[in-house]
Amino acid sequence: MLPRQSIEWVDDKVRFIDQRLLPKKLKIIETDDWHVIANAIKGLGLRGAPLIGVAAALGVAVTAVKYQGQNPQRKVLTAIDGLYNTRPTAVNLFWALDQMKELVVQIEDEKKLSKVLVNKALEILEDDRNRCSKIGKYGSSLIKDGANILTVCNTGFLATAGIGTALAAVYNAHDEGKNIHVYACETRPLLQGARLTAWELKNAGIPFTLIVDSAAAGLLAMDKIDLCIIGADRIAANGDVANKVGSYQLALACKEHNVPYYVAAPESTMDWECPSGSQIPLEDREPDEVTSCIGKKIAPDDTPASNPAFDVVPTKLISGFITEKGIMREFPEN
């Protein structure tokens, strides 16, 4: 794979980084089985809202190729249904699968179906790369030389088909020669910040400091943060944002200390059918992710635990939205 690339289409197969093993091991999975992709999405081997949308589309395409001449429509629709049920919050997943399903319904010619679906999946992949590139350029304009940037979870190339969303702005600022520093929240319980963002930043040579999630407010109080940039898994029609759990408390702390708080996301993350954040389906994951850490139990047996994967940031706490079309200071009405 090329640098800053997490997924690709090679010889009618999908190739992707298995993020469950990072940073200890860089494992590349190559598959023509949509079940492998679905299981990777469920288990966070593939994660990040834009990336799981791209991965799902490629999973549909690879199914059409694999079963060409064997009633592929039925197989493809089964794959779409299975991929639909992997994770509920990131709207990019459903955005991509709906496009693929629409083509399956339209095209009756079996020979034509696989070619059309592959082309569409590759279009979705390339589209995400282009969106990420533009987000990075617009986001970099908000980052001044010498800036300290706060972020949570992982929003780099591991979360997209391109160079990322929030981290795309960081990459661009660094590539432009700006002297910047990132404070990366560890992101409990699965440590996407500690495992993935730290891995990306270290490999890119970008100065960073890893912090526990609860340290962020203190840093803001000490004027050590110039701006915070997060990603998004779904943006409601009123501008409320669902993102990795902990995003809301960062927004509150930034508001208290007058630090700009930006959301970087492509328009494919915007759900115009969802009126507000209260209607966004928020994923609850297994409690053992909380009572354990990297496979080691840290709580007494039978400890009850809650494990919401996301929370909602009200639009009133957001300074602006960084999209592929520019920076919006206020969320537009549909």
C-alpha atoms as a PDB file:
ATOM      1  CA  MET A   1       0.000   0.000   0.000  1.00  0.00           C
ATOM      2  CA  LEU A   2       0.989   3.616  -0.567  1.00  0.00           C
ATOM      3  CA  PRO A   3       1.818   5.816   2.440  1.00  0.00           C
ATOM      4  CA  ARG A   4      -1.266   7.274   4.140  1.00  0.00           C
ATOM      5  CA  GLN A   5      -3.542   4.673   2.568  1.00  0.00           C
ATOM      6  CA  SER A   6      -5.708   2.198   4.464  1.00  0.00           C
ATOM      7  CA  ILE A   7      -7.707   0.406   1.751  1.00  0.00           C
ATOM      8  CA  GLU A   8      -7.399  -0.413  -1.938  1.00  0.00           C
ATOM      9  CA  TRP A   9      -8.830  -2.558  -4.742  1.00  0.00           C
ATOM     10  CA  VAL A  10      -6.317  -5.008  -6.221  1.00  0.00           C
ATOM     11  CA  ASP A  11      -7.029  -7.752  -8.783  1.00  0.00           C
ATOM     12  CA  ASP A  12     -10.748  -7.895  -7.942  1.00  0.00           C
ATOM     13  CA  LYS A  13     -10.075  -8.139  -4.221  1.00  0.00           C
ATOM     14  CA  VAL A  14     -10.225  -5.725  -1.316  1.00  0.00           C
ATOM     15  CA  ARG A  15      -6.998  -5.081   0.562  1.00  0.00           C
ATOM     16  CA  PHE A  16      -7.012  -3.226   3.869  1.00  0.00           C
ATOM     17  CA  ILE A  17      -5.080  -2.645   7.081  1.00  0.00           C
ATOM     18  CA  ASP A  18      -6.396  -4.646  10.041  1.00  0.00           C
ATOM     19  CA  GLN A  19      -6.511  -1.881  12.653  1.00  0.00           C
ATOM     20  CA  ARG A  20      -7.162  -4.286  15.527  1.00  0.00           C
ATOM     21  CA  LEU A  21      -3.477  -5.212  15.618  1.00  0.00           C
ATOM     22  CA  LEU A  22      -1.952  -1.740  15.494  1.00  0.00           C
ATOM     23  CA  PRO A  23       0.466  -0.452  16.633  1.00  0.00           C
ATOM     24  CA  LYS A  24       2.195  -3.735  17.468  1.00  0.00           C
ATOM     25  CA  LYS A  25       1.645  -5.359  14.087  1.00  0.00           C
ATOM     26  CA  LEU A  26       0.865  -4.030  10.622  1.00  0.00           C
ATOM     27  CA  LYS A  27      -1.279  -6.724   9.014  1.00  0.00           C
ATOM     28  CA  ILE A  28      -2.792  -6.411   5.551  1.00  0.00           C
ATOM     29  CA  ILE A  29      -5.907  -8.452   4.802  1.00  0.00           C
ATOM     30  CA  GLU A  30      -6.798  -9.300   1.214  1.00  0.00           C
ATOM     31  CA  THR A  31     -10.231 -10.786   0.613  1.00  0.00           C
ATOM     32  CA  ASP A  32     -13.031 -11.457  -1.856  1.00  0.00           C
ATOM     33  CA  ASP A  33     -15.506 -12.289   0.921  1.00  0.00           C
ATOM     34  CA  TRP A  34     -17.942  -9.640   2.158  1.00  0.00           C
ATOM     35  CA  HIS A  35     -18.247 -11.513   5.472  1.00  0.00           C
ATOM     36  CA  VAL A  36     -14.593 -10.734   6.204  1.00  0.00           C
ATOM     37  CA  ILE A  37     -15.254  -7.052   5.565  1.00  0.00           C
ATOM     38  CA  ALA A  38     -18.426  -7.068   7.681  1.00  0.00           C
ATOM     39  CA  ASN A  39     -16.654  -8.761  10.581  1.00  0.00           C
ATOM     40  CA  ALA A  40     -13.791  -6.273  10.315  1.00  0.00           C
ATOM     41  CA  ILE A  41     -16.268  -3.382  10.494  1.00  0.00           C
ATOM     42  CA  LYS A  42     -18.030  -4.875  13.510  1.00  0.00           C
ATOM     43  CA  GLY A  43     -14.752  -5.639  15.269  1.00  0.00           C
ATOM     44  CA  LEU A  44     -13.123  -2.284  14.374  1.00  0.00           C
ATOM     45  CA  GLY A  45     -10.559  -3.784  12.045  1.00  0.00           C
ATOM     46  CA  LEU A  46     -12.102  -1.277   9.660  1.00  0.00           C
ATOM     47  CA  ARG A  47     -13.356   1.869  11.363  1.00  0.00           C
ATOM     48  CA  GLY A  48     -13.951   5.548  10.797  1.00  0.00           C
ATOM     49  CA  ALA A  49     -17.164   6.762   9.202  1.00  0.00           C
ATOM     50  CA  PRO A  50     -15.841   7.474   5.684  1.00  0.00           C
ATOM     51  CA  LEU A  51     -13.763   4.288   5.599  1.00  0.00           C
ATOM     52  CA  ILE A  52     -16.558   1.911   6.536  1.00  0.00           C
ATOM     53  CA  GLY A  53     -18.710   3.431   3.811  1.00  0.00           C
ATOM     54  CA  VAL A  54     -15.985   2.827   1.248  1.00  0.00           C
ATOM     55  CA  ALA A  55     -15.257  -0.658   2.612  1.00  0.00           C
ATOM     56  CA  ALA A  56     -18.933  -1.621   2.440  1.00  0.00           C
ATOM     57  CA  ALA A  57     -19.196  -0.472  -1.178  1.00  0.00           C
ATOM     58  CA  LEU A  58     -16.100  -2.501  -2.061  1.00  0.00           C
ATOM     59  CA  GLY A  59     -17.599  -5.475  -0.215  1.00  0.00           C
ATOM     60  CA  VAL A  60     -20.628  -5.300  -2.483  1.00  0.00           C
ATOM     61  CA  ALA A  61     -18.451  -4.989  -5.585  1.00  0.00           C
ATOM     62  CA  VAL A  62     -16.252  -7.930  -4.666  1.00  0.00           C
ATOM     63  CA  THR A  63     -19.361 -10.069  -4.170  1.00  0.00           C
ATOM     64  CA  ALA A  64     -20.655  -9.213  -7.634  1.00  0.00           C
ATOM     65  CA  VAL A  65     -17.327 -10.225  -9.181  1.00  0.00           C
ATOM     66  CA  LYS A  66     -17.027 -13.406  -7.149  1.00  0.00           C
ATOM     67  CA  TYR A  67     -20.488 -14.680  -8.061  1.00  0.00           C
ATOM     68  CA  GLN A  68     -20.623 -13.498 -11.644  1.00  0.00           C
ATOM     69  CA  GLY A  69     -22.754 -15.989 -13.574  1.00  0.00           C
ATOM     70  CA  GLN A  70     -24.193 -17.489 -10.355  1.00  0.00           C
ATOM     71  CA  ASN A  71     -27.285 -15.342  -9.788  1.00  0.00           C
ATOM     72  CA  PRO A  72     -25.172 -12.418  -8.531  1.00  0.00           C
ATOM     73  CA  GLN A  73     -28.146 -10.143  -7.789  1.00  0.00           C
ATOM     74  CA  ARG A  74     -29.296 -12.395  -4.953  1.00  0.00           C
ATOM     75  CA  LYS A  75     -25.785 -12.745  -3.549  1.00  0.00           C
ATOM     76  CA  VAL A  76     -25.170  -9.009  -3.763  1.00  0.00           C
ATOM     77  CA  LEU A  77     -28.438  -8.116  -2.027  1.00  0.00           C
ATOM     78  CA  THR A  78     -27.560 -10.560   0.748  1.00  0.00           C
ATOM     79  CA  ALA A  79     -24.198  -8.868   1.137  1.00  0.00           C
ATOM     80  CA  ILE A  80     -25.831  -5.429   1.264  1.00  0.00           C
ATOM     81  CA  ASP A  81     -28.236  -6.572   3.987  1.00  0.00           C
ATOM     82  CA  GLY A  82     -25.376  -8.074   5.980  1.00  0.00           C
ATOM     83  CA  LEU A  83     -23.225  -4.952   5.684  1.00  0.00           C
ATOM     84  CA  TYR A  84     -26.172  -2.745   6.637  1.00  0.00           C
ATOM     85  CA  ASN A  85     -26.282  -4.480  10.012  1.00  0.00           C
ATOM     86  CA  THR A  86     -22.653  -4.004  11.005  1.00  0.00           C
ATOM     87  CA  ARG A  87     -22.729  -0.648  12.839  1.00  0.00           C
ATOM     88  CA  PRO A  88     -25.599   1.821  13.332  1.00  0.00           C
ATOM     89  CA  THR A  89     -24.187   5.309  13.855  1.00  0.00           C
ATOM     90  CA  ALA A  90     -21.982   6.281  10.892  1.00  0.00           C
ATOM     91  CA  VAL A  91     -24.319   7.407   8.123  1.00  0.00           C
ATOM     92  CA  ASN A  92     -21.597   7.014   5.458  1.00  0.00           C
ATOM     93  CA  LEU A  93     -22.168   3.258   5.632  1.00  0.00           C
ATOM     94  CA  PHE A  94     -25.804   3.565   4.578  1.00  0.00           C
ATOM     95  CA  TRP A  95     -25.044   6.386   2.140  1.00  0.00           C
ATOM     96  CA  ALA A  96     -22.648   4.117   0.233  1.00  0.00           C
ATOM     97  CA  LEU A  97     -24.761   0.957   0.418  1.00  0.00           C
ATOM     98  CA  ASP A  98     -27.891   2.775  -0.784  1.00  0.00           C
ATOM     99  CA  GLN A  99     -26.024   3.839  -3.912  1.00  0.00           C
ATOM    100  CA  MET A 100     -24.914   0.271  -4.556  1.00  0.00           C
ATOM    101  CA  LYS A 101     -28.391  -1.154  -3.926  1.00  0.00           C
ATOM    102  CA  GLU A 102     -29.974   1.317  -6.317  1.00  0.00           C
ATOM    103  CA  LEU A 103     -27.747  -0.004  -9.114  1.00  0.00           C
ATOM    104  CA  VAL A 104     -28.510  -3.631  -8.287  1.00  0.00           C
ATOM    105  CA  VAL A 105     -32.234  -2.933  -8.577  1.00  0.00           C
ATOM    106  CA  GLN A 106     -31.790  -1.082 -11.869  1.00  0.00           C
ATOM    107  CA  ILE A 107     -29.529  -3.533 -13.684  1.00  0.00           C
ATOM    108  CA  GLU A 108     -30.914  -6.908 -14.761  1.00  0.00           C
ATOM    109  CA  ASP A 109     -28.040  -7.911 -17.040  1.00  0.00           C
ATOM    110  CA  GLU A 110     -25.786 -10.178 -14.941  1.00  0.00           C
ATOM    111  CA  LYS A 111     -22.746  -9.582 -17.136  1.00  0.00           C
ATOM    112  CA  LYS A 112     -23.092  -5.838 -16.794  1.00  0.00           C
ATOM    113  CA  LEU A 113     -23.817  -5.860 -13.060  1.00  0.00           C
ATOM    114  CA  SER A 114     -20.344  -6.633 -11.735  1.00  0.00           C
ATOM    115  CA  LYS A 115     -18.659  -4.032 -13.948  1.00  0.00           C
ATOM    116  CA  VAL A 116     -21.118  -1.323 -12.932  1.00  0.00           C
ATOM    117  CA  LEU A 117     -20.830  -2.124  -9.222  1.00  0.00           C
ATOM    118  CA  VAL A 118     -17.036  -2.218  -9.305  1.00  0.00           C
ATOM    119  CA  ASN A 119     -16.940   1.120 -11.100  1.00  0.00           C
ATOM    120  CA  LYS A 120     -19.343   2.627  -8.572  1.00  0.00           C
ATOM    121  CA  ALA A 121     -17.386   1.327  -5.589  1.00  0.00           C
ATOM    122  CA  LEU A 122     -14.148   2.690  -7.023  1.00  0.00           C
ATOM    123  CA  GLU A 123     -15.905   5.995  -7.674  1.00  0.00           C
ATOM    124  CA  ILE A 124     -16.942   6.129  -4.000  1.00  0.00           C
ATOM    125  CA  LEU A 125     -13.373   5.320  -2.948  1.00  0.00           C
ATOM    126  CA  GLU A 126     -11.831   7.981  -5.179  1.00  0.00           C
ATOM    127  CA  ASP A 127     -14.503  10.468  -4.166  1.00  0.00           C
ATOM    128  CA  ASP A 128     -13.568  10.044  -0.508  1.00  0.00           C
ATOM    129  CA  ARG A 129      -9.881  10.547  -1.288  1.00  0.00           C
ATOM    130  CA  ASN A 130     -10.667  13.783  -3.081  1.00  0.00           C
ATOM    131  CA  ARG A 131     -12.936  15.009  -0.294  1.00  0.00           C
ATOM    132  CA  CYS A 132     -10.260  14.291   2.314  1.00  0.00           C
ATOM    133  CA  SER A 133      -7.665  16.200   0.306  1.00  0.00           C
ATOM    134  CA  LYS A 134      -9.889  19.270   0.140  1.00  0.00           C
ATOM    135  CA  ILE A 135     -10.828  19.029   3.825  1.00  0.00           C
ATOM    136  CA  GLY A 136      -7.130  18.958   4.654  1.00  0.00           C
ATOM    137  CA  LYS A 137      -6.409  22.091   2.679  1.00  0.00           C
ATOM    138  CA  TYR A 138      -9.316  24.060   4.129  1.00  0.00           C
ATOM    139  CA  GLY A 139      -8.606  22.799   7.641  1.00  0.00           C
ATOM    140  CA  SER A 140      -4.950  23.771   7.440  1.00  0.00           C
ATOM    141  CA  SER A 141      -5.951  27.388   6.921  1.00  0.00           C
ATOM    142  CA  LEU A 142      -7.277  27.389  10.494  1.00  0.00           C
ATOM    143  CA  ILE A 143      -3.975  26.179  11.938  1.00  0.00           C
ATOM    144  CA  LYS A 144      -1.420  28.893  12.649  1.00  0.00           C
ATOM    145  CA  ASP A 145       2.310  28.363  12.881  1.00  0.00           C
ATOM    146  CA  GLY A 146       3.142  27.250  16.412  1.00  0.00           C
ATOM    147  CA  ALA A 147      -0.370  25.936  17.105  1.00  0.00           C
ATOM    148  CA  ASN A 148      -1.225  23.263  19.651  1.00  0.00           C
ATOM    149  CA  ILE A 149      -4.105  21.158  18.336  1.00  0.00           C
ATOM    150  CA  LEU A 150      -6.362  18.934  20.441  1.00  0.00           C
ATOM    151  CA  THR A 151      -8.070  15.904  18.923  1.00  0.00           C
ATOM    152  CA  VAL A 152      -9.845  12.731  19.971  1.00  0.00           C
ATOM    153  CA  CYS A 153     -10.096   9.223  18.516  1.00  0.00           C
ATOM    154  CA  ASN A 154      -8.502   8.673  15.098  1.00  0.00           C
ATOM    155  CA  THR A 155      -9.383  10.830  12.112  1.00  0.00           C
ATOM    156  CA  GLY A 156      -6.425  10.193   9.820  1.00  0.00           C
ATOM    157  CA  PHE A 157      -5.904   7.916   6.861  1.00  0.00           C
ATOM    158  CA  LEU A 158      -6.893   4.937   9.018  1.00  0.00           C
ATOM    159  CA  ALA A 159     -10.406   6.403   9.247  1.00  0.00           C
ATOM    160  CA  THR A 160     -10.905   7.191   5.562  1.00  0.00           C
ATOM    161  CA  ALA A 161      -9.914   6.139   2.076  1.00  0.00           C
ATOM    162  CA  GLY A 162      -7.892   9.347   1.817  1.00  0.00           C
ATOM    163  CA  ILE A 163      -5.598  11.162   4.233  1.00  0.00           C
ATOM    164  CA  GLY A 164      -8.265  11.748   6.836  1.00  0.00           C
ATOM    165  CA  THR A 165     -10.649  14.421   8.099  1.00  0.00           C
ATOM    166  CA  ALA A 166      -9.450  16.241  11.241  1.00  0.00           C
ATOM    167  CA  LEU A 167      -5.944  14.807  10.872  1.00  0.00           C
ATOM    168  CA  ALA A 168      -5.961  15.758   7.188  1.00  0.00           C
ATOM    169  CA  ALA A 169      -5.774  19.363   8.363  1.00  0.00           C
ATOM    170  CA  VAL A 170      -2.835  18.441  10.600  1.00  0.00           C
ATOM    171  CA  TYR A 171      -1.061  16.605   7.774  1.00  0.00           C
ATOM    172  CA  ASN A 172      -1.485  19.581   5.453  1.00  0.00           C
ATOM    173  CA  ALA A 173      -0.288  22.071   8.038  1.00  0.00           C
ATOM    174  CA  HIS A 174       2.797  19.944   8.708  1.00  0.00           C
ATOM    175  CA  ASP A 175       3.495  19.451   4.992  1.00  0.00           C
ATOM    176  CA  GLU A 176       3.248  23.224   4.529  1.00  0.00           C
ATOM    177  CA  GLY A 177       6.104  23.631   6.999  1.00  0.00           C
ATOM    178  CA  LYS A 178       4.110  24.925   9.947  1.00  0.00           C
ATOM    179  CA  ASN A 179       5.554  24.254  13.374  1.00  0.00           C
ATOM    180  CA  ILE A 180       2.641  22.458  15.046  1.00  0.00           C
ATOM    181  CA  HIS A 181       2.018  20.104  17.939  1.00  0.00           C
ATOM    182  CA  VAL A 182      -0.898  17.721  18.572  1.00  0.00           C
ATOM    183  CA  TYR A 183      -2.385  16.686  21.886  1.00  0.00           C
ATOM    184  CA  ALA A 184      -4.027  13.321  21.199  1.00  0.00           C
ATOM    185  CA  CYS A 185      -6.614  12.012  23.657  1.00  0.00           C
ATOM    186  CA  GLU A 186      -6.074   8.303  24.284  1.00  0.00           C
ATOM    187  CA  THR A 187      -9.795   7.590  23.641  1.00  0.00           C
ATOM    188  CA  ARG A 188     -10.894   4.926  26.061  1.00  0.00           C
ATOM    189  CA  PRO A 189     -12.037   2.225  26.030  1.00  0.00           C
ATOM    190  CA  LEU A 190     -10.421   0.985  22.798  1.00  0.00           C
ATOM    191  CA  LEU A 191      -7.618   3.538  22.686  1.00  0.00           C
ATOM    192  CA  GLN A 192      -7.952   4.664  19.086  1.00  0.00           C
ATOM    193  CA  GLY A 193      -5.993   7.781  19.997  1.00  0.00           C
ATOM    194  CA  ALA A 194      -3.203   5.925  21.750  1.00  0.00           C
ATOM    195  CA  ARG A 195      -2.977   3.062  19.273  1.00  0.00           C
ATOM    196  CA  LEU A 196      -3.863   4.646  15.945  1.00  0.00           C
ATOM    197  CA  THR A 197      -3.479   8.430  16.035  1.00  0.00           C
ATOM    198  CA  ALA A 198      -0.154   8.165  17.875  1.00  0.00           C
ATOM    199  CA  TRP A 199       0.990   5.583  15.311  1.00  0.00           C
ATOM    200  CA  GLU A 200       0.035   7.832  12.403  1.00  0.00           C
ATOM    201  CA  LEU A 201       1.620  10.959  13.875  1.00  0.00           C
ATOM    202  CA  LYS A 202       4.817   9.182  14.847  1.00  0.00           C
ATOM    203  CA  ASN A 203       5.233   7.730  11.371  1.00  0.00           C
ATOM    204  CA  ALA A 204       4.551  11.154   9.828  1.00  0.00           C
ATOM    205  CA  GLY A 205       7.126  12.866  12.039  1.00  0.00           C
ATOM    206  CA  ILE A 206       4.537  15.241  13.488  1.00  0.00           C
ATOM    207  CA  PRO A 207       5.238  16.337  17.097  1.00  0.00           C
ATOM    208  CA  PHE A 208       2.537  15.092  19.458  1.00  0.00           C
ATOM    209  CA  THR A 209       1.788  14.294  23.076  1.00  0.00           C
ATOM    210  CA  LEU A 210      -0.561  11.523  24.129  1.00  0.00           C
ATOM    211  CA  ILE A 211      -2.866  12.409  27.018  1.00  0.00           C
ATOM    212  CA  VAL A 212      -5.511  10.580  29.018  1.00  0.00           C
ATOM    213  CA  ASP A 213      -8.991  11.757  28.089  1.00  0.00           C
ATOM    214  CA  SER A 214      -9.574  13.423  31.446  1.00  0.00           C
ATOM    215  CA  ALA A 215      -6.468  15.645  31.066  1.00  0.00           C
ATOM    216  CA  ALA A 216      -7.859  17.701  28.179  1.00  0.00           C
ATOM    217  CA  ALA A 217      -9.911  20.149  30.247  1.00  0.00           C
ATOM    218  CA  GLY A 218      -6.909  20.949  32.432  1.00  0.00           C
ATOM    219  CA  LEU A 219      -4.760  21.708  29.391  1.00  0.00           C
ATOM    220  CA  LEU A 220      -7.458  24.028  28.087  1.00  0.00           C
ATOM    221  CA  ALA A 221      -7.581  25.803  31.437  1.00  0.00           C
ATOM    222  CA  MET A 222      -3.812  26.332  31.276  1.00  0.00           C
ATOM    223  CA  ASP A 223      -4.077  27.913  27.785  1.00  0.00           C
ATOM    224  CA  LYS A 224      -2.068  25.095  26.227  1.00  0.00           C
ATOM    225  CA  ILE A 225      -4.565  24.435  23.399  1.00  0.00           C
ATOM    226  CA  ASP A 226      -5.158  26.766  20.442  1.00  0.00           C
ATOM    227  CA  LEU A 227      -7.935  24.818  18.741  1.00  0.00           C
ATOM    228  CA  CYS A 228      -9.670  21.453  18.797  1.00  0.00           C
ATOM    229  CA  ILE A 229     -10.580  19.536  15.636  1.00  0.00           C
ATOM    230  CA  ILE A 230     -12.666  16.362  15.704  1.00  0.00           C
ATOM    231  CA  GLY A 231     -14.259  14.147  13.072  1.00  0.00           C
ATOM    232  CA  ALA A 232     -17.885  13.039  12.841  1.00  0.00           C
ATOM    233  CA  ASP A 233     -19.846   9.835  12.358  1.00  0.00           C
ATOM    234  CA  ARG A 234     -23.136  11.537  11.613  1.00  0.00           C
ATOM    235  CA  ILE A 235     -24.221  15.170  11.374  1.00  0.00           C
ATOM    236  CA  ALA A 236     -27.938  15.803  11.833  1.00  0.00           C
ATOM    237  CA  ALA A 237     -29.896  18.304   9.751  1.00  0.00           C
ATOM    238  CA  ASN A 238     -29.666  20.921  12.514  1.00  0.00           C
ATOM    239  CA  GLY A 239     -25.878  20.584  12.815  1.00  0.00           C
ATOM    240  CA  ASP A 240     -25.717  18.358  15.899  1.00  0.00           C
ATOM    241  CA  VAL A 241     -22.770  15.976  15.604  1.00  0.00           C
ATOM    242  CA  ALA A 242     -22.372  12.382  16.739  1.00  0.00           C
ATOM    243  CA  ASN A 243     -18.733  11.492  17.273  1.00  0.00           C
ATOM    244  CA  LYS A 244     -16.562   9.261  19.451  1.00  0.00           C
ATOM    245  CA  VAL A 245     -17.645   9.301  23.072  1.00  0.00           C
ATOM    246  CA  GLY A 246     -15.820  12.095  24.887  1.00  0.00           C
ATOM    247  CA  SER A 247     -16.345  14.610  22.095  1.00  0.00           C
ATOM    248  CA  TYR A 248     -19.143  16.342  24.007  1.00  0.00           C
ATOM    249  CA  GLN A 249     -17.066  16.956  27.117  1.00  0.00           C
ATOM    250  CA  LEU A 250     -14.270  18.387  24.958  1.00  0.00           C
ATOM    251  CA  ALA A 251     -16.778  20.752  23.358  1.00  0.00           C
ATOM    252  CA  LEU A 252     -17.998  21.928  26.754  1.00  0.00           C
ATOM    253  CA  ALA A 253     -14.446  22.510  27.970  1.00  0.00           C
ATOM    254  CA  CYS A 254     -13.498  24.377  24.782  1.00  0.00           C
ATOM    255  CA  LYS A 255     -16.581  26.591  25.118  1.00  0.00           C
ATOM    256  CA  GLU A 256     -15.714  27.402  28.732  1.00  0.00           C
ATOM    257  CA  HIS A 257     -12.177  28.427  27.788  1.00  0.00           C
ATOM    258  CA  ASN A 258     -12.985  30.189  24.494  1.00  0.00           C
ATOM    259  CA  VAL A 259     -11.027  27.725  22.374  1.00  0.00           C
ATOM    260  CA  PRO A 260     -12.344  27.107  18.820  1.00  0.00           C
ATOM    261  CA  TYR A 261     -13.912  23.679  18.338  1.00  0.00           C
ATOM    262  CA  TYR A 262     -14.162  22.474  14.750  1.00  0.00           C
ATOM    263  CA  VAL A 263     -15.735  19.426  13.119  1.00  0.00           C
ATOM    264  CA  ALA A 264     -14.036  18.080   9.993  1.00  0.00           C
ATOM    265  CA  ALA A 265     -16.189  15.789   7.857  1.00  0.00           C
ATOM    266  CA  PRO A 266     -17.245  15.220   4.253  1.00  0.00           C
ATOM    267  CA  GLU A 267     -20.810  15.971   3.187  1.00  0.00           C
ATOM    268  CA  SER A 268     -21.431  12.224   2.988  1.00  0.00           C
ATOM    269  CA  THR A 269     -21.531  12.351   6.814  1.00  0.00           C
ATOM    270  CA  MET A 270     -24.505  14.737   6.801  1.00  0.00           C
ATOM    271  CA  ASP A 271     -27.878  13.086   7.356  1.00  0.00           C
ATOM    272  CA  TRP A 272     -30.567  15.472   6.129  1.00  0.00           C
ATOM    273  CA  GLU A 273     -33.271  12.976   7.087  1.00  0.00           C
ATOM    274  CA  CYS A 274     -32.278  13.115  10.758  1.00  0.00           C
ATOM    275  CA  PRO A 275     -33.730  16.273  12.362  1.00  0.00           C
ATOM    276  CA  SER A 276     -31.399  16.543  15.361  1.00  0.00           C
ATOM    277  CA  GLY A 277     -28.807  14.757  17.432  1.00  0.00           C
ATOM    278  CA  SER A 278     -31.461  13.212  19.663  1.00  0.00           C
ATOM    279  CA  GLN A 279     -32.598  11.097  16.695  1.00  0.00           C
ATOM    280  CA  ILE A 280     -29.141   9.763  15.822  1.00  0.00           C
ATOM    281  CA  PRO A 281     -28.836   6.042  16.668  1.00  0.00           C
ATOM    282  CA  LEU A 282     -25.906   5.796  19.073  1.00  0.00           C
ATOM    283  CA  GLU A 283     -24.107   2.481  19.237  1.00  0.00           C
ATOM    284  CA  ASP A 284     -23.690   0.700  22.563  1.00  0.00           C
ATOM    285  CA  ARG A 285     -20.843  -1.785  22.519  1.00  0.00           C
ATOM    286  CA  GLU A 286     -20.040  -4.727  24.754  1.00  0.00           C
ATOM    287  CA  PRO A 287     -19.265  -3.869  28.403  1.00  0.00           C
ATOM    288  CA  ASP A 288     -16.138  -6.035  28.414  1.00  0.00           C
ATOM    289  CA  GLU A 289     -14.425  -3.368  26.305  1.00  0.00           C
ATOM    290  CA  VAL A 290     -14.669  -1.142  29.397  1.00  0.00           C
ATOM    291  CA  THR A 291     -13.837  -3.731  32.032  1.00  0.00           C
ATOM    292  CA  SER A 292     -10.790  -4.812  30.021  1.00  0.00           C
ATOM    293  CA  CYS A 293      -7.956  -2.916  28.371  1.00  0.00           C
ATOM    294  CA  ILE A 294      -6.067  -4.358  25.391  1.00  0.00           C
ATOM    295  CA  GLY A 295      -7.235  -7.848  26.308  1.00  0.00           C
ATOM    296  CA  LYS A 296      -6.385  -7.577  30.015  1.00  0.00           C
ATOM    297  CA  LYS A 297      -9.105  -7.484  32.628  1.00  0.00           C
ATOM    298  CA  ILE A 298      -8.934  -4.344  34.789  1.00  0.00           C
ATOM    299  CA  ALA A 299     -12.158  -4.576  36.800  1.00  0.00           C
ATOM    300  CA  PRO A 300     -13.482  -7.197  39.244  1.00  0.00           C
ATOM    301  CA  ASP A 301     -15.496 -10.075  37.822  1.00  0.00           C
ATOM    302  CA  ASP A 302     -19.131  -9.255  37.051  1.00  0.00           C
ATOM    303  CA  THR A 303     -18.569  -5.498  37.229  1.00  0.00           C
ATOM    304  CA  PRO A 304     -21.501  -3.778  35.478  1.00  0.00           C
ATOM    305  CA  ALA A 305     -20.333  -1.344  32.800  1.00  0.00           C
ATOM    306  CA  SER A 306     -21.855   0.978  30.221  1.00  0.00           C
ATOM    307  CA  ASN A 307     -20.104   1.349  26.885  1.00  0.00           C
ATOM    308  CA  PRO A 308     -21.624   4.018  24.620  1.00  0.00           C
ATOM    309  CA  ALA A 309     -19.400   4.345  21.561  1.00  0.00           C
ATOM    310  CA  PHE A 310     -20.559   7.870  20.694  1.00  0.00           C
ATOM    311  CA  ASP A 311     -22.042  11.017  22.155  1.00  0.00           C
ATOM    312  CA  VAL A 312     -23.660  14.066  20.582  1.00  0.00           C
ATOM    313  CA  VAL A 313     -22.199  17.568  20.378  1.00  0.00           C
ATOM    314  CA  PRO A 314     -24.910  20.252  20.026  1.00  0.00           C
ATOM    315  CA  THR A 315     -24.295  22.554  17.099  1.00  0.00           C
ATOM    316  CA  LYS A 316     -24.238  25.605  19.403  1.00  0.00           C
ATOM    317  CA  LEU A 317     -20.903  24.380  20.796  1.00  0.00           C
ATOM    318  CA  ILE A 318     -19.276  24.056  17.360  1.00  0.00           C
ATOM    319  CA  SER A 319     -17.176  26.909  15.943  1.00  0.00           C
ATOM    320  CA  GLY A 320     -17.354  25.661  12.377  1.00  0.00           C
ATOM    321  CA  PHE A 321     -17.565  22.716  10.000  1.00  0.00           C
ATOM    322  CA  ILE A 322     -14.645  21.883   7.727  1.00  0.00           C
ATOM    323  CA  THR A 323     -15.962  20.158   4.604  1.00  0.00           C
ATOM    324  CA  GLU A 324     -14.717  19.535   1.102  1.00  0.00           C
ATOM    325  CA  LYS A 325     -16.545  22.720   0.064  1.00  0.00           C
ATOM    326  CA  GLY A 326     -14.956  25.003   2.604  1.00  0.00           C
ATOM    327  CA  ILE A 327     -15.407  26.161   6.188  1.00  0.00           C
ATOM    328  CA  MET A 328     -18.944  26.799   7.389  1.00  0.00           C
ATOM    329  CA  ARG A 329     -19.226  28.956  10.505  1.00  0.00           C
ATOM    330  CA  GLU A 330     -22.894  28.089  10.798  1.00  0.00           C
ATOM    331  CA  PHE A 331     -24.605  24.897   9.723  1.00  0.00           C
ATOM    332  CA  PRO A 332     -26.863  25.538   6.716  1.00  0.00           C
ATOM    333  CA  GLU A 333     -30.550  24.682   6.691  1.00  0.00           C
ATOM    334  CA  ASN A 334     -31.401  22.010   4.134  1.00  0.00           C
END
